[in-house]
Each structure stands twice: as structure tokens, then as C-alpha cells.
Amino acid sequence: MKLIVAIIRPEKLDDVQKALAEKDVYLMTVSDVRGCGRQRGYTEVYRGQEVQVRLLPKLKLEIAVNEPFVEATVEAIVHSARTGDTGNVGDGKIFVLGLEDAIRIRTGERGGTAIGP
């Protein structure tokens, strides 16, 4: 089992969900987060003052999948969250982490059966 954590642009959520649904991946947790990377923020004028905005709004997806779904999930996110043909700075990151155990609270099922069909 793996836990896939993806940081994406907020406007790409619908595209990512559609791409994941095509790969039979439906279960995810989505959180509003703020962060900075190579974009390094931007400058805007607020009430006549120049303000540096360093933490940009992003979405954090957490998706637990069984081993056979890892590559399909990663590929779906990469292709659907990328802006344009080649992508742009700020499109996001994907982290794949080992998942030691999972428990479905309702039934008590453990391991891969708790997160998959």
C-alpha cells in the first residue's frame, strides 16, 4: 500500500478527479493549503502599498492506494494537473510514501481491503 500526496493548483481539481475516476481511483482527501516553491510568490498592490505574497493557495490531495494502482494514479495526476503541454512552475509535486497499515473504522477491515475494492 502507498499513500500518494499531491500538491496541485486549485483550478486543476476537477481535471484531476476526472482523470483519477478513469483509472478507478475515487477515494481521496482534499485540503486547502498554502505554500511556496520555485514560484516564490508574487507582488501586488493593496491599498496603495506593495505587498509580497509568498504563500500561494494550493490543494493537497491524499490518496491511499494498493500497489497495482500506484503508477496509474501518479500518471493520472501528472497529466491532468499539468498546465499547457510542457507544464509551468507552480504546477505542484507528488510524493509517494509507504503506508504501513489502514483500518476501515466501520468494519474493522485492515490492510489493502480497507482502502480498495
C-alpha atoms as a PDB file:
ATOM      1  CA  MET A   1       0.000   0.000   0.000  1.00  0.00           C
ATOM      2  CA  LYS A   2       1.105   3.553  -0.704  1.00  0.00           C
ATOM      3  CA  LEU A   3      -0.043   6.998   0.341  1.00  0.00           C
ATOM      4  CA  ILE A   4       0.136   9.444  -2.543  1.00  0.00           C
ATOM      5  CA  VAL A   5       0.296  13.090  -1.521  1.00  0.00           C
ATOM      6  CA  ALA A   6      -0.134  15.583  -4.345  1.00  0.00           C
ATOM      7  CA  ILE A   7       0.070  19.367  -4.136  1.00  0.00           C
ATOM      8  CA  ILE A   8      -1.771  20.911  -7.091  1.00  0.00           C
ATOM      9  CA  ARG A   9      -3.228  24.189  -8.321  1.00  0.00           C
ATOM     10  CA  PRO A  10      -6.806  24.668  -7.030  1.00  0.00           C
ATOM     11  CA  GLU A  11      -8.236  25.147 -10.521  1.00  0.00           C
ATOM     12  CA  LYS A  12      -6.956  21.701 -11.572  1.00  0.00           C
ATOM     13  CA  LEU A  13      -9.012  19.692  -9.037  1.00  0.00           C
ATOM     14  CA  ASP A  14     -11.871  18.843 -11.407  1.00  0.00           C
ATOM     15  CA  ASP A  15      -9.474  17.675 -14.118  1.00  0.00           C
ATOM     16  CA  VAL A  16      -7.553  15.533 -11.630  1.00  0.00           C
ATOM     17  CA  GLN A  17     -10.737  13.959 -10.234  1.00  0.00           C
ATOM     18  CA  LYS A  18     -11.942  13.073 -13.737  1.00  0.00           C
ATOM     19  CA  ALA A  19      -8.578  11.538 -14.643  1.00  0.00           C
ATOM     20  CA  LEU A  20      -8.484   9.507 -11.419  1.00  0.00           C
ATOM     21  CA  ALA A  21     -12.057   8.290 -11.943  1.00  0.00           C
ATOM     22  CA  GLU A  22     -10.997   6.938 -15.358  1.00  0.00           C
ATOM     23  CA  LYS A  23      -8.365   4.851 -13.505  1.00  0.00           C
ATOM     24  CA  ASP A  24     -10.952   3.634 -10.920  1.00  0.00           C
ATOM     25  CA  VAL A  25      -9.456   5.746  -8.133  1.00  0.00           C
ATOM     26  CA  TYR A  26     -12.230   7.552  -6.242  1.00  0.00           C
ATOM     27  CA  LEU A  27     -11.163   7.790  -2.602  1.00  0.00           C
ATOM     28  CA  MET A  28      -9.201  10.876  -1.591  1.00  0.00           C
ATOM     29  CA  THR A  29      -8.938  13.601   0.994  1.00  0.00           C
ATOM     30  CA  VAL A  30      -8.585  17.190  -0.220  1.00  0.00           C
ATOM     31  CA  SER A  31      -7.262  20.036   1.954  1.00  0.00           C
ATOM     32  CA  ASP A  32      -6.762  23.728   1.265  1.00  0.00           C
ATOM     33  CA  VAL A  33      -3.124  24.566   1.925  1.00  0.00           C
ATOM     34  CA  ARG A  34      -0.683  27.391   1.258  1.00  0.00           C
ATOM     35  CA  GLY A  35       2.912  27.011   0.236  1.00  0.00           C
ATOM     36  CA  CYS A  36       5.791  28.235  -1.838  1.00  0.00           C
ATOM     37  CA  GLY A  37       8.292  26.614  -4.093  1.00  0.00           C
ATOM     38  CA  ARG A  38      10.073  27.822  -7.185  1.00  0.00           C
ATOM     39  CA  GLN A  39       7.251  30.282  -7.863  1.00  0.00           C
ATOM     40  CA  ARG A  40       8.460  32.301  -4.875  1.00  0.00           C
ATOM     41  CA  GLY A  41       5.173  34.187  -4.726  1.00  0.00           C
ATOM     42  CA  TYR A  42       4.293  37.462  -6.381  1.00  0.00           C
ATOM     43  CA  THR A  43       3.956  41.177  -5.645  1.00  0.00           C
ATOM     44  CA  GLU A  44       0.644  43.021  -5.663  1.00  0.00           C
ATOM     45  CA  VAL A  45      -0.562  46.455  -4.628  1.00  0.00           C
ATOM     46  CA  TYR A  46      -3.006  46.551  -1.700  1.00  0.00           C
ATOM     47  CA  ARG A  47      -4.374  49.936  -0.538  1.00  0.00           C
ATOM     48  CA  GLY A  48      -1.515  51.729  -2.189  1.00  0.00           C
ATOM     49  CA  GLN A  49       1.144  49.558  -0.588  1.00  0.00           C
ATOM     50  CA  GLU A  50       3.234  46.987  -2.416  1.00  0.00           C
ATOM     51  CA  VAL A  51       2.734  43.609  -0.732  1.00  0.00           C
ATOM     52  CA  GLN A  52       4.815  40.476  -1.268  1.00  0.00           C
ATOM     53  CA  VAL A  53       2.631  37.347  -1.337  1.00  0.00           C
ATOM     54  CA  ARG A  54       4.913  34.382  -0.675  1.00  0.00           C
ATOM     55  CA  LEU A  55       2.495  31.634   0.312  1.00  0.00           C
ATOM     56  CA  LEU A  56       0.248  30.701  -2.588  1.00  0.00           C
ATOM     57  CA  PRO A  57      -3.036  28.787  -2.329  1.00  0.00           C
ATOM     58  CA  LYS A  58      -2.773  25.121  -3.313  1.00  0.00           C
ATOM     59  CA  LEU A  59      -4.723  21.909  -2.767  1.00  0.00           C
ATOM     60  CA  LYS A  60      -3.286  18.874  -1.036  1.00  0.00           C
ATOM     61  CA  LEU A  61      -4.649  15.506  -2.156  1.00  0.00           C
ATOM     62  CA  GLU A  62      -4.058  12.427  -0.027  1.00  0.00           C
ATOM     63  CA  ILE A  63      -4.852   9.174  -1.783  1.00  0.00           C
ATOM     64  CA  ALA A  64      -4.273   5.717  -0.309  1.00  0.00           C
ATOM     65  CA  VAL A  65      -3.946   3.033  -2.988  1.00  0.00           C
ATOM     66  CA  ASN A  66      -2.923  -0.590  -3.273  1.00  0.00           C
ATOM     67  CA  GLU A  67       0.295  -1.339  -5.148  1.00  0.00           C
ATOM     68  CA  PRO A  68      -1.296  -2.082  -8.575  1.00  0.00           C
ATOM     69  CA  PHE A  69      -2.867   1.405  -8.654  1.00  0.00           C
ATOM     70  CA  VAL A  70       0.231   3.466  -7.777  1.00  0.00           C
ATOM     71  CA  GLU A  71       1.608   4.168 -11.267  1.00  0.00           C
ATOM     72  CA  ALA A  72      -1.835   4.732 -12.800  1.00  0.00           C
ATOM     73  CA  THR A  73      -2.681   7.212 -10.038  1.00  0.00           C
ATOM     74  CA  VAL A  74       0.595   9.109 -10.388  1.00  0.00           C
ATOM     75  CA  GLU A  75       0.291   9.282 -14.183  1.00  0.00           C
ATOM     76  CA  ALA A  76      -3.312  10.489 -13.985  1.00  0.00           C
ATOM     77  CA  ILE A  77      -2.329  13.294 -11.610  1.00  0.00           C
ATOM     78  CA  VAL A  78       0.748  14.308 -13.641  1.00  0.00           C
ATOM     79  CA  HIS A  79      -1.126  14.568 -16.925  1.00  0.00           C
ATOM     80  CA  SER A  80      -4.256  16.249 -15.564  1.00  0.00           C
ATOM     81  CA  ALA A  81      -2.580  18.740 -13.174  1.00  0.00           C
ATOM     82  CA  ARG A  82      -0.004  19.980 -15.691  1.00  0.00           C
ATOM     83  CA  THR A  83      -0.712  23.367 -17.278  1.00  0.00           C
ATOM     84  CA  GLY A  84      -0.157  23.558 -21.011  1.00  0.00           C
ATOM     85  CA  ASP A  85       1.772  20.956 -22.969  1.00  0.00           C
ATOM     86  CA  THR A  86       5.001  21.149 -21.028  1.00  0.00           C
ATOM     87  CA  GLY A  87       3.811  22.478 -17.662  1.00  0.00           C
ATOM     88  CA  ASN A  88       4.764  25.580 -15.723  1.00  0.00           C
ATOM     89  CA  VAL A  89       6.484  26.439 -12.466  1.00  0.00           C
ATOM     90  CA  GLY A  90       3.917  26.023  -9.697  1.00  0.00           C
ATOM     91  CA  ASP A  91       2.047  23.043 -11.159  1.00  0.00           C
ATOM     92  CA  GLY A  92       2.804  21.081  -7.991  1.00  0.00           C
ATOM     93  CA  LYS A  93       4.503  17.984  -6.628  1.00  0.00           C
ATOM     94  CA  ILE A  94       3.635  14.358  -5.963  1.00  0.00           C
ATOM     95  CA  PHE A  95       5.051  12.344  -3.074  1.00  0.00           C
ATOM     96  CA  VAL A  96       4.671   8.558  -2.827  1.00  0.00           C
ATOM     97  CA  LEU A  97       5.003   7.250   0.723  1.00  0.00           C
ATOM     98  CA  GLY A  98       4.876   3.754   2.134  1.00  0.00           C
ATOM     99  CA  LEU A  99       1.677   3.014   4.037  1.00  0.00           C
ATOM    100  CA  GLU A 100       2.163   0.573   6.875  1.00  0.00           C
ATOM    101  CA  ASP A 101      -1.492  -0.149   7.655  1.00  0.00           C
ATOM    102  CA  ALA A 102      -5.022   1.091   7.056  1.00  0.00           C
ATOM    103  CA  ILE A 103      -8.150   0.318   9.059  1.00  0.00           C
ATOM    104  CA  ARG A 104     -11.736   0.849   7.942  1.00  0.00           C
ATOM    105  CA  ILE A 105     -13.481   2.085  11.076  1.00  0.00           C
ATOM    106  CA  ARG A 106     -16.950   0.832  10.109  1.00  0.00           C
ATOM    107  CA  THR A 107     -15.975  -2.823   9.584  1.00  0.00           C
ATOM    108  CA  GLY A 108     -12.552  -3.143  11.203  1.00  0.00           C
ATOM    109  CA  GLU A 109     -11.021  -4.379   7.939  1.00  0.00           C
ATOM    110  CA  ARG A 110      -7.265  -3.899   7.778  1.00  0.00           C
ATOM    111  CA  GLY A 111      -4.659  -3.501   5.071  1.00  0.00           C
ATOM    112  CA  GLY A 112      -5.408  -3.371   1.378  1.00  0.00           C
ATOM    113  CA  THR A 113      -9.053  -4.387   1.744  1.00  0.00           C
ATOM    114  CA  ALA A 114      -9.671  -1.303   3.888  1.00  0.00           C
ATOM    115  CA  ILE A 115      -8.709   1.072   1.051  1.00  0.00           C
ATOM    116  CA  GLY A 116      -9.663  -0.776  -2.107  1.00  0.00           C
ATOM    117  CA  PRO A 117     -12.303  -2.850  -3.743  1.00  0.00           C
END
